[in-house]
Amino acid sequence: MVSLFDSVTFAHGPAMKNRFMLAPLTNQQSHVDGTLSDDEFRWLTMRAQGGFALTMTCASHVQAVGQGFAGQLGCFGDQHLEGLTRLADAINKEDSLSFVQLHHAGRRSPKELIGGQPLSSGVDEKMDSRAMTTGEVEEMVEAFIEAAVRSEKAGYHGVELHGAHDYLICQFLNSELNIRTDKYGGSLENRSRVLFDIVDGIRARCGADLNLAVRLSPERFGMKTSEIVEVYGRLVDSGKVDMIDMSLWDCFKVAVDEDCDGKILIDIFANLERGATKLAVAGKLYSAADCQRAVDAGADIVAVGRAAITNHDFARLAKDPAFAMRTLPVPRATLRAEGLSESFIGYMGNWPGFAEAE
């Protein structure tokens, strides 16, 4: 039987000591200017200490205009280097791979945070976003590449491109929103050009030991599962991507697209050819049994989110096959002991039934 505690090797960079990855999680703990706070440092390093073989930051914006939430960790300028380096050093010392998730919120950037109109692949009157010019798209691609170079300089083992959850890369993949007439719109090849240009640029300008991952959504947000399967295959065929992180929301749900013939989401992607590329999955992995089921289905890595919030040492405790995350709602005192700041606890209070009421 495949074990959750097998190591995982990659084409670029060091191996993971087990199959557990801390999913990238919004926590609203960084300073207003995007620099690392002691609160966010504590939250992330506790997960590395808790046995996660890969510790990933929250979504970290690559341009100031791409900020998606208050208290977001930035990676768009050298002013962020000191904090990013401090965090990478601490994670690496725990024998955990350190990753920055590179992000741009696009139309989901709140006006009050960015001080202007949100930018996207197309016009969204409801969210009052405008379509980026071709030059702005090229600047954004360069910003992702520069952020990867900066992350490598800070000492991270890898970066992940956030192409899921209706953020900017996802907005370019969205055929309903992206009706551009330049080289970044129209066909799936054109709509995915932003993603592949970023991948190519990172591989050209970063070292051979930098692990490169991509996060994708297979449905919702205007995504068609068949198109994401095609993008997945092209990423694998490129030989430039070490890990594809599928955000499934529920690993074991039936796909909603009619052309999937009632298949379970994890099965669709686990059964695709992926060569040396590793498959990570996220979605309702709340217990050791859930995680074991995911790797038994063919995933290489389990990305743990909510359960890593309730239990910083989930990856260690999961050696007990009967282990499961704490029962919800979680007392706020427990969340504090698990390394969450008051701002993070307040944010989690927005998730129905997660944290005990005040």
Protein backbone atom coordinates (compact mmCIF):
# COMPACT_ATOMS: atom_id res chain seq x y z
CA MET A 1 0.00 0.00 0.00
CA VAL A 2 1.16 3.51 -0.76
CA SER A 3 2.09 5.31 2.46
CA LEU A 4 1.41 8.92 3.38
CA PHE A 5 4.93 8.92 4.76
CA ASP A 6 6.71 7.97 1.55
CA SER A 7 9.09 10.59 0.22
CA VAL A 8 8.26 12.42 -3.02
CA THR A 9 10.98 13.35 -5.51
CA PHE A 10 10.88 16.07 -8.16
CA ALA A 11 12.72 16.86 -11.37
CA HIS A 12 13.89 20.15 -9.83
CA GLY A 13 14.94 20.68 -6.23
CA PRO A 14 14.93 18.50 -3.12
CA ALA A 15 12.47 15.75 -2.21
CA MET A 16 9.58 15.96 0.23
CA LYS A 17 10.05 13.79 3.32
CA ASN A 18 6.36 12.77 3.26
CA ARG A 19 3.25 13.45 1.14
CA PHE A 20 1.80 16.28 3.28
CA MET A 21 1.73 19.83 1.96
CA LEU A 22 0.35 22.87 3.74
CA ALA A 23 -2.19 24.32 1.33
CA PRO A 24 -1.83 28.05 0.58
CA LEU A 25 -4.25 29.74 2.99
CA THR A 26 -5.46 33.32 3.23
CA ASN A 27 -4.74 34.52 6.77
CA GLN A 28 -4.65 38.35 6.66
CA GLN A 29 -1.69 38.56 9.03
CA SER A 30 0.97 40.51 7.11
CA HIS A 31 1.67 44.22 7.47
CA VAL A 32 -0.19 46.80 5.37
CA ASP A 33 2.81 47.18 3.03
CA GLY A 34 2.93 43.42 2.42
CA THR A 35 5.98 42.77 4.57
CA LEU A 36 6.06 39.70 6.79
CA SER A 37 4.73 40.03 10.34
CA ASP A 38 5.73 38.02 13.38
CA ASP A 39 2.18 36.62 13.44
CA GLU A 40 2.43 35.18 9.94
CA PHE A 41 5.96 33.94 10.62
CA ARG A 42 4.71 32.04 13.68
CA TRP A 43 1.69 30.58 11.90
CA LEU A 44 3.70 29.20 8.99
CA THR A 45 6.75 27.98 10.89
CA MET A 46 4.51 26.09 13.33
CA ARG A 47 3.20 24.04 10.38
CA ALA A 48 6.75 23.27 9.25
CA GLN A 49 7.56 22.22 12.80
CA GLY A 50 4.37 20.15 12.81
CA GLY A 51 5.65 17.77 10.17
CA PHE A 52 4.45 19.18 6.85
CA ALA A 53 6.99 18.26 4.18
CA LEU A 54 6.06 21.31 2.10
CA THR A 55 5.03 24.61 3.68
CA MET A 56 3.44 27.12 1.30
CA THR A 57 2.70 30.77 1.99
CA CYS A 58 -0.66 32.34 1.39
CA ALA A 59 -1.27 33.81 -2.04
CA SER A 60 1.42 36.51 -2.37
CA HIS A 61 0.71 39.31 -4.82
CA VAL A 62 3.23 40.04 -7.56
CA GLN A 63 1.99 43.58 -8.23
CA ALA A 64 0.58 46.13 -5.81
CA VAL A 65 -2.43 46.47 -8.10
CA GLY A 66 -3.01 42.72 -7.77
CA GLN A 67 -3.64 42.66 -4.01
CA GLY A 68 -6.61 40.49 -3.17
CA PHE A 69 -7.15 40.88 0.56
CA ALA A 70 -6.10 42.92 3.57
CA GLY A 71 -2.96 41.74 5.36
CA GLN A 72 -1.66 39.95 2.27
CA LEU A 73 1.99 38.90 2.07
CA GLY A 74 3.69 40.74 -0.80
CA CYS A 75 6.46 39.63 -3.14
CA PHE A 76 6.34 42.49 -5.65
CA GLY A 77 9.34 44.48 -4.40
CA ASP A 78 12.72 44.16 -2.76
CA GLN A 79 11.21 45.68 0.39
CA HIS A 80 9.72 42.22 0.95
CA LEU A 81 13.04 40.37 0.68
CA GLU A 82 14.07 40.61 4.33
CA GLY A 83 10.87 39.05 5.64
CA LEU A 84 10.68 36.48 2.86
CA THR A 85 14.25 35.41 3.58
CA ARG A 86 13.61 35.14 7.33
CA LEU A 87 10.60 32.92 6.65
CA ALA A 88 12.37 30.70 4.12
CA ASP A 89 15.32 30.16 6.46
CA ALA A 90 13.04 29.09 9.31
CA ILE A 91 10.96 26.70 7.19
CA ASN A 92 14.05 25.17 5.60
CA LYS A 93 15.58 24.50 9.02
CA GLU A 94 12.58 22.30 9.84
CA ASP A 95 13.32 20.00 6.88
CA SER A 96 10.24 21.31 5.10
CA LEU A 97 10.25 22.57 1.52
CA SER A 98 9.50 26.30 1.43
CA PHE A 99 7.21 27.67 -1.30
CA VAL A 100 5.77 31.06 -2.15
CA GLN A 101 2.43 31.06 -3.96
CA LEU A 102 2.56 33.79 -6.62
CA HIS A 103 -0.74 35.56 -7.13
CA HIS A 104 -2.61 38.40 -8.77
CA ALA A 105 -6.28 38.92 -7.84
CA GLY A 106 -7.30 40.64 -11.07
CA ARG A 107 -10.96 41.62 -10.96
CA ARG A 108 -11.14 40.43 -7.35
CA SER A 109 -8.79 43.19 -6.15
CA PRO A 110 -10.80 45.45 -3.80
CA LYS A 111 -10.75 49.08 -4.94
CA GLU A 112 -10.10 50.30 -1.42
CA LEU A 113 -6.88 48.27 -1.27
CA ILE A 114 -5.41 49.04 -4.68
CA GLY A 115 -6.65 52.63 -4.98
CA GLY A 116 -8.12 52.24 -8.44
CA GLN A 117 -10.12 50.13 -10.85
CA PRO A 118 -9.39 46.38 -10.80
CA LEU A 119 -7.78 44.89 -13.89
CA SER A 120 -8.77 41.64 -15.59
CA SER A 121 -8.70 39.71 -18.83
CA GLY A 122 -12.01 41.31 -19.75
CA VAL A 123 -14.64 43.79 -18.64
CA ASP A 124 -16.76 42.87 -15.64
CA GLU A 125 -19.31 45.60 -14.99
CA LYS A 126 -20.53 44.00 -11.75
CA MET A 127 -17.03 44.07 -10.26
CA ASP A 128 -16.15 47.27 -12.14
CA SER A 129 -13.02 45.78 -13.66
CA ARG A 130 -11.59 46.77 -17.01
CA ALA A 131 -9.70 44.72 -19.55
CA MET A 132 -5.93 45.03 -19.36
CA THR A 133 -4.09 46.40 -22.35
CA THR A 134 -1.69 44.04 -24.10
CA GLY A 135 1.18 46.01 -22.57
CA GLU A 136 -0.29 45.63 -19.08
CA VAL A 137 -0.60 41.87 -19.61
CA GLU A 138 3.07 41.70 -20.61
CA GLU A 139 4.03 43.75 -17.53
CA MET A 140 2.03 41.36 -15.34
CA VAL A 141 3.76 38.33 -16.86
CA GLU A 142 7.12 39.96 -16.14
CA ALA A 143 6.00 40.71 -12.55
CA PHE A 144 5.29 37.01 -11.95
CA ILE A 145 8.72 36.09 -13.30
CA GLU A 146 10.47 38.76 -11.21
CA ALA A 147 8.61 37.55 -8.10
CA ALA A 148 9.86 34.02 -8.74
CA VAL A 149 13.42 35.33 -9.10
CA ARG A 150 12.96 37.27 -5.85
CA SER A 151 11.59 34.19 -4.07
CA GLU A 152 14.54 32.11 -5.23
CA LYS A 153 16.91 34.83 -4.00
CA ALA A 154 15.17 34.70 -0.61
CA GLY A 155 15.96 30.99 -0.35
CA TYR A 156 12.69 29.26 -1.24
CA HIS A 157 12.74 25.80 -2.73
CA GLY A 158 9.86 26.58 -5.05
CA VAL A 159 7.03 28.80 -6.23
CA GLU A 160 3.46 28.01 -7.19
CA LEU A 161 1.48 29.98 -9.78
CA HIS A 162 -2.07 30.58 -8.58
CA GLY A 163 -4.15 29.75 -11.63
CA ALA A 164 -7.31 28.83 -9.70
CA HIS A 165 -10.24 30.36 -7.80
CA ASP A 166 -11.11 33.15 -10.26
CA TYR A 167 -7.85 35.02 -9.73
CA LEU A 168 -6.12 36.63 -12.69
CA ILE A 169 -4.56 33.61 -14.44
CA CYS A 170 -7.89 31.83 -14.02
CA GLN A 171 -9.66 34.91 -15.43
CA PHE A 172 -7.57 34.58 -18.58
CA LEU A 173 -8.54 30.91 -18.90
CA ASN A 174 -12.22 31.85 -18.54
CA SER A 175 -13.80 31.85 -22.00
CA GLU A 176 -16.88 33.70 -20.74
CA LEU A 177 -14.85 36.64 -19.41
CA ASN A 178 -11.87 36.58 -21.75
CA ILE A 179 -13.17 37.69 -25.13
CA ARG A 180 -9.97 39.52 -26.02
CA THR A 181 -8.90 39.85 -29.64
CA ASP A 182 -5.15 40.00 -28.99
CA LYS A 183 -2.82 37.03 -28.54
CA TYR A 184 -4.13 36.47 -25.00
CA GLY A 185 -7.77 35.82 -25.94
CA GLY A 186 -10.01 33.60 -28.03
CA SER A 187 -8.72 30.04 -28.35
CA LEU A 188 -7.67 28.02 -25.31
CA GLU A 189 -4.08 28.27 -26.58
CA ASN A 190 -4.34 32.05 -26.45
CA ARG A 191 -6.25 32.18 -23.15
CA SER A 192 -3.57 29.99 -21.53
CA ARG A 193 -0.70 31.95 -23.07
CA VAL A 194 -0.25 34.05 -19.91
CA LEU A 195 0.29 30.89 -17.84
CA PHE A 196 2.77 29.33 -20.26
CA ASP A 197 4.66 32.59 -20.79
CA ILE A 198 5.15 32.83 -17.02
CA VAL A 199 6.28 29.19 -16.83
CA ASP A 200 8.74 29.71 -19.69
CA GLY A 201 10.10 32.91 -18.16
CA ILE A 202 10.66 31.36 -14.74
CA ARG A 203 12.46 28.38 -16.19
CA ALA A 204 14.64 30.69 -18.32
CA ARG A 205 15.62 33.02 -15.47
CA CYS A 206 15.65 30.85 -12.35
CA GLY A 207 18.02 28.10 -11.38
CA ALA A 208 17.65 24.43 -12.18
CA ASP A 209 16.91 23.63 -8.53
CA LEU A 210 13.78 25.81 -8.27
CA ASN A 211 10.62 23.72 -8.03
CA LEU A 212 7.78 25.16 -10.12
CA ALA A 213 4.14 24.32 -9.38
CA VAL A 214 0.81 25.44 -10.85
CA ARG A 215 -2.56 25.50 -9.06
CA LEU A 216 -5.68 24.97 -11.18
CA SER A 217 -9.44 24.76 -10.68
CA PRO A 218 -11.16 22.04 -12.76
CA GLU A 219 -14.64 23.56 -12.58
CA ARG A 220 -16.53 26.65 -11.36
CA PHE A 221 -15.18 30.16 -12.11
CA GLY A 222 -15.91 29.68 -15.81
CA MET A 223 -13.59 26.67 -16.00
CA LYS A 224 -14.44 23.70 -18.21
CA THR A 225 -13.01 20.43 -16.97
CA SER A 226 -12.12 19.33 -20.50
CA GLU A 227 -10.11 22.51 -21.04
CA ILE A 228 -8.29 22.14 -17.73
CA VAL A 229 -7.45 18.55 -18.68
CA GLU A 230 -5.88 19.94 -21.86
CA VAL A 231 -3.91 22.60 -19.95
CA TYR A 232 -2.80 19.93 -17.46
CA GLY A 233 -1.50 17.79 -20.34
CA ARG A 234 0.38 20.68 -21.92
CA LEU A 235 2.01 21.54 -18.58
CA VAL A 236 3.12 17.94 -18.19
CA ASP A 237 4.40 17.77 -21.77
CA SER A 238 6.43 20.94 -21.29
CA GLY A 239 8.67 19.19 -18.75
CA LYS A 240 8.96 22.54 -16.94
CA VAL A 241 6.44 22.04 -14.14
CA ASP A 242 7.22 19.85 -11.14
CA MET A 243 3.79 19.78 -9.50
CA ILE A 244 0.22 20.46 -10.54
CA ASP A 245 -1.91 21.36 -7.53
CA MET A 246 -5.57 20.63 -8.29
CA SER A 247 -7.96 22.56 -6.05
CA LEU A 248 -10.96 20.24 -6.16
CA TRP A 249 -13.00 21.65 -3.20
CA ASP A 250 -14.00 18.03 -2.58
CA CYS A 251 -11.59 15.43 -3.91
CA PHE A 252 -14.25 12.75 -4.09
CA LYS A 253 -17.18 14.64 -5.61
CA VAL A 254 -18.59 13.80 -9.02
CA ALA A 255 -17.56 16.24 -11.75
CA VAL A 256 -20.35 18.61 -12.78
CA ASP A 257 -19.43 18.87 -16.47
CA GLU A 258 -21.66 16.67 -18.61
CA ASP A 259 -18.74 15.52 -20.74
CA CYS A 260 -17.12 13.88 -17.66
CA ASP A 261 -19.66 11.03 -17.64
CA GLY A 262 -20.17 11.11 -13.87
CA LYS A 263 -16.51 10.55 -13.05
CA ILE A 264 -15.08 11.49 -9.65
CA LEU A 265 -12.86 14.57 -9.89
CA ILE A 266 -9.72 13.07 -8.37
CA ASP A 267 -9.99 10.08 -10.73
CA ILE A 268 -10.05 12.32 -13.81
CA PHE A 269 -6.69 13.89 -13.01
CA ALA A 270 -4.98 10.99 -11.24
CA ASN A 271 -5.51 8.81 -14.31
CA LEU A 272 -3.94 11.26 -16.77
CA GLU A 273 -0.40 10.68 -17.92
CA ARG A 274 1.90 12.96 -15.93
CA GLY A 275 5.42 11.68 -16.41
CA ALA A 276 7.72 13.18 -13.76
CA THR A 277 5.15 15.84 -12.78
CA LYS A 278 3.57 15.24 -9.38
CA LEU A 279 -0.13 15.61 -8.66
CA ALA A 280 -1.25 17.37 -5.48
CA VAL A 281 -4.93 17.48 -4.56
CA ALA A 282 -6.91 19.64 -2.15
CA GLY A 283 -10.51 19.37 -1.06
CA LYS A 284 -12.07 18.15 2.20
CA LEU A 285 -9.03 16.20 3.41
CA TYR A 286 -9.90 16.27 7.09
CA SER A 287 -8.47 13.00 8.40
CA ALA A 288 -5.69 10.48 7.92
CA ALA A 289 -8.25 8.24 6.21
CA ASP A 290 -9.23 11.00 3.75
CA CYS A 291 -5.58 11.58 2.87
CA GLN A 292 -4.91 7.87 2.48
CA ARG A 293 -7.92 7.56 0.18
CA ALA A 294 -6.53 10.38 -1.98
CA VAL A 295 -3.11 8.76 -2.43
CA ASP A 296 -4.74 5.38 -2.97
CA ALA A 297 -6.67 7.04 -5.81
CA GLY A 298 -3.35 8.07 -7.36
CA ALA A 299 -2.44 11.49 -5.97
CA ASP A 300 1.22 12.01 -5.07
CA ILE A 301 0.68 14.79 -2.51
CA VAL A 302 -2.18 15.83 -0.23
CA ALA A 303 -2.68 19.58 0.27
CA VAL A 304 -4.23 20.10 3.70
CA GLY A 305 -6.05 23.34 4.45
CA ARG A 306 -8.69 23.58 7.18
CA ALA A 307 -7.27 20.61 9.08
CA ALA A 308 -3.88 22.33 9.17
CA ILE A 309 -5.50 25.37 10.74
CA THR A 310 -7.09 23.34 13.53
CA ASN A 311 -4.03 21.09 14.01
CA HIS A 312 -0.60 22.54 13.23
CA ASP A 313 0.89 19.04 13.58
CA PHE A 314 -1.71 17.28 11.44
CA ALA A 315 1.04 15.74 9.33
CA ARG A 316 2.63 14.15 12.37
CA LEU A 317 -0.60 13.06 14.05
CA ALA A 318 -1.78 11.39 10.83
CA LYS A 319 0.58 8.50 11.57
CA ASP A 320 -2.45 7.24 13.50
CA PRO A 321 -4.82 5.96 10.78
CA ALA A 322 -7.79 6.93 12.96
CA PHE A 323 -6.70 10.55 13.41
CA ALA A 324 -9.02 13.37 12.31
CA MET A 325 -8.94 17.16 12.64
CA ARG A 326 -10.51 18.86 15.65
CA THR A 327 -14.28 18.94 15.81
CA LEU A 328 -15.87 22.19 14.68
CA PRO A 329 -16.49 24.82 15.94
CA VAL A 330 -13.03 25.22 17.43
CA PRO A 331 -12.64 27.31 20.60
CA ARG A 332 -10.83 30.56 19.92
CA ALA A 333 -8.35 29.82 22.71
CA THR A 334 -7.43 26.61 20.86
CA LEU A 335 -6.91 28.52 17.61
CA ARG A 336 -4.62 30.94 19.44
CA ALA A 337 -2.61 28.00 20.77
CA GLU A 338 -2.42 26.71 17.20
CA GLY A 339 -0.62 29.89 16.14
CA LEU A 340 -3.47 32.01 14.76
CA SER A 341 -3.41 35.73 15.47
CA GLU A 342 -6.54 37.68 16.39
CA SER A 343 -6.86 38.93 12.81
CA PHE A 344 -6.67 35.39 11.44
CA ILE A 345 -9.18 34.15 14.01
CA GLY A 346 -11.47 37.01 13.01
CA TYR A 347 -11.16 35.98 9.36
CA MET A 348 -11.95 32.35 10.23
CA GLY A 349 -15.02 33.61 12.05
CA ASN A 350 -16.41 34.38 8.58
CA TRP A 351 -16.34 30.67 7.75
CA PRO A 352 -19.71 29.28 8.96
CA GLY A 353 -19.30 26.96 11.94
CA PHE A 354 -15.50 27.02 12.04
CA ALA A 355 -14.66 29.09 15.12
CA GLU A 356 -16.66 29.39 18.31
CA ALA A 357 -18.61 32.62 18.60
CA GLU A 358 -17.19 35.31 20.86
